[in-house]
Amino acid sequence: MSFAMSKMCDLCGKGYQKGNLVPRGIGNRVTNRAIIKKKANLRSKRLNIDGTSIRAKLCSSCLKRLKFEQRKIDASKAAE
């Protein structure tokens, strides 16, 4: 039994974005149009949730948000 690895963020669900690649030739003439996929910047991270360690794929913006929230929690604990 095999599972397909998803290329989406486990937290926010961000996947790929579809776009058009429109290269210009001589002057402003369009030469070869192509549809491109811009992939999300995913990182594999181990998270400790309720004492259990899980591995999750997170995009860089979610990692940044988690880091900011962790700093906020640590600062509030230090203030007490």
C-alpha atoms as a PDB file:
ATOM      1  CA  MET A   1       0.000   0.000   0.000  1.00  0.00           C
ATOM      2  CA  SER A   2       1.581   3.275  -1.081  1.00  0.00           C
ATOM      3  CA  PHE A   3       0.510   6.814  -0.397  1.00  0.00           C
ATOM      4  CA  ALA A   4       1.039   9.734  -2.763  1.00  0.00           C
ATOM      5  CA  MET A   5       2.993  12.617  -1.275  1.00  0.00           C
ATOM      6  CA  SER A   6       0.920  15.752  -1.509  1.00  0.00           C
ATOM      7  CA  LYS A   7       2.499  19.002  -2.580  1.00  0.00           C
ATOM      8  CA  MET A   8       0.283  21.113  -0.355  1.00  0.00           C
ATOM      9  CA  CYS A   9       0.752  22.783   3.008  1.00  0.00           C
ATOM     10  CA  ASP A  10      -0.799  20.722   5.806  1.00  0.00           C
ATOM     11  CA  LEU A  11      -1.789  23.846   7.745  1.00  0.00           C
ATOM     12  CA  CYS A  12      -3.258  26.284   5.215  1.00  0.00           C
ATOM     13  CA  GLY A  13      -3.707  24.053   2.152  1.00  0.00           C
ATOM     14  CA  LYS A  14      -1.585  26.184  -0.159  1.00  0.00           C
ATOM     15  CA  GLY A  15      -0.720  24.278  -3.337  1.00  0.00           C
ATOM     16  CA  TYR A  16       0.524  25.407  -6.696  1.00  0.00           C
ATOM     17  CA  GLN A  17      -0.523  28.457  -8.707  1.00  0.00           C
ATOM     18  CA  LYS A  18      -1.180  28.254 -12.420  1.00  0.00           C
ATOM     19  CA  GLY A  19       0.156  30.969 -14.666  1.00  0.00           C
ATOM     20  CA  ASN A  20       1.017  31.786 -18.254  1.00  0.00           C
ATOM     21  CA  LEU A  21       4.586  32.009 -19.491  1.00  0.00           C
ATOM     22  CA  VAL A  22       4.551  34.444 -22.398  1.00  0.00           C
ATOM     23  CA  PRO A  23       8.024  34.853 -23.879  1.00  0.00           C
ATOM     24  CA  ARG A  24       8.535  37.738 -26.286  1.00  0.00           C
ATOM     25  CA  GLY A  25      10.429  37.247 -29.501  1.00  0.00           C
ATOM     26  CA  ILE A  26      11.556  39.968 -31.881  1.00  0.00           C
ATOM     27  CA  GLY A  27       9.817  43.199 -30.967  1.00  0.00           C
ATOM     28  CA  ASN A  28       6.654  42.397 -29.032  1.00  0.00           C
ATOM     29  CA  ARG A  29       5.719  39.196 -30.872  1.00  0.00           C
ATOM     30  CA  VAL A  30       4.707  36.292 -28.664  1.00  0.00           C
ATOM     31  CA  THR A  31       6.674  33.168 -29.623  1.00  0.00           C
ATOM     32  CA  ASN A  32       5.866  30.047 -27.525  1.00  0.00           C
ATOM     33  CA  ARG A  33       3.148  30.292 -24.905  1.00  0.00           C
ATOM     34  CA  ALA A  34       3.256  27.785 -22.090  1.00  0.00           C
ATOM     35  CA  ILE A  35       1.276  27.167 -18.926  1.00  0.00           C
ATOM     36  CA  ILE A  36       3.515  27.017 -15.866  1.00  0.00           C
ATOM     37  CA  LYS A  37       2.929  25.853 -12.306  1.00  0.00           C
ATOM     38  CA  LYS A  38       4.451  27.874  -9.496  1.00  0.00           C
ATOM     39  CA  LYS A  39       4.945  25.507  -6.575  1.00  0.00           C
ATOM     40  CA  ALA A  40       4.593  26.481  -2.925  1.00  0.00           C
ATOM     41  CA  ASN A  41       7.768  26.779  -0.828  1.00  0.00           C
ATOM     42  CA  LEU A  42       7.222  23.653   1.316  1.00  0.00           C
ATOM     43  CA  ARG A  43       9.407  22.505   4.187  1.00  0.00           C
ATOM     44  CA  SER A  44       9.188  19.317   6.231  1.00  0.00           C
ATOM     45  CA  LYS A  45       8.943  20.094   9.952  1.00  0.00           C
ATOM     46  CA  ARG A  46       8.556  17.971  13.076  1.00  0.00           C
ATOM     47  CA  LEU A  47       5.868  19.338  15.380  1.00  0.00           C
ATOM     48  CA  ASN A  48       5.219  18.319  18.963  1.00  0.00           C
ATOM     49  CA  ILE A  49       1.450  18.283  19.507  1.00  0.00           C
ATOM     50  CA  ASP A  50       0.126  17.056  22.876  1.00  0.00           C
ATOM     51  CA  GLY A  51       3.298  15.054  23.500  1.00  0.00           C
ATOM     52  CA  THR A  52       3.232  13.253  20.146  1.00  0.00           C
ATOM     53  CA  SER A  53       5.744  14.125  17.463  1.00  0.00           C
ATOM     54  CA  ILE A  54       4.381  14.364  13.924  1.00  0.00           C
ATOM     55  CA  ARG A  55       6.007  15.366  10.656  1.00  0.00           C
ATOM     56  CA  ALA A  56       4.153  17.961   8.615  1.00  0.00           C
ATOM     57  CA  LYS A  57       4.761  19.746   5.347  1.00  0.00           C
ATOM     58  CA  LEU A  58       4.422  23.479   5.907  1.00  0.00           C
ATOM     59  CA  CYS A  59       4.812  26.424   3.562  1.00  0.00           C
ATOM     60  CA  SER A  60       7.305  29.114   4.501  1.00  0.00           C
ATOM     61  CA  SER A  61       4.599  31.629   5.447  1.00  0.00           C
ATOM     62  CA  CYS A  62       3.059  29.156   7.936  1.00  0.00           C
ATOM     63  CA  LEU A  63       6.521  28.431   9.399  1.00  0.00           C
ATOM     64  CA  LYS A  64       7.037  32.171   9.837  1.00  0.00           C
ATOM     65  CA  ARG A  65       3.645  32.495  11.544  1.00  0.00           C
ATOM     66  CA  LEU A  66       4.371  29.565  13.899  1.00  0.00           C
ATOM     67  CA  LYS A  67       7.757  31.059  14.791  1.00  0.00           C
ATOM     68  CA  PHE A  68       6.135  34.443  15.552  1.00  0.00           C
ATOM     69  CA  GLU A  69       3.411  32.864  17.719  1.00  0.00           C
ATOM     70  CA  GLN A  70       6.012  30.805  19.619  1.00  0.00           C
ATOM     71  CA  ARG A  71       8.012  33.962  20.348  1.00  0.00           C
ATOM     72  CA  LYS A  72       4.857  35.672  21.596  1.00  0.00           C
ATOM     73  CA  ILE A  73       4.093  32.744  23.929  1.00  0.00           C
ATOM     74  CA  ASP A  74       7.676  32.695  25.246  1.00  0.00           C
ATOM     75  CA  ALA A  75       7.589  36.453  25.890  1.00  0.00           C
ATOM     76  CA  SER A  76       4.319  36.191  27.819  1.00  0.00           C
ATOM     77  CA  LYS A  77       5.742  33.360  29.964  1.00  0.00           C
ATOM     78  CA  ALA A  78       8.878  35.382  30.692  1.00  0.00           C
ATOM     79  CA  ALA A  79       6.786  38.419  31.725  1.00  0.00           C
ATOM     80  CA  GLU A  80       4.886  36.418  34.351  1.00  0.00           C
END
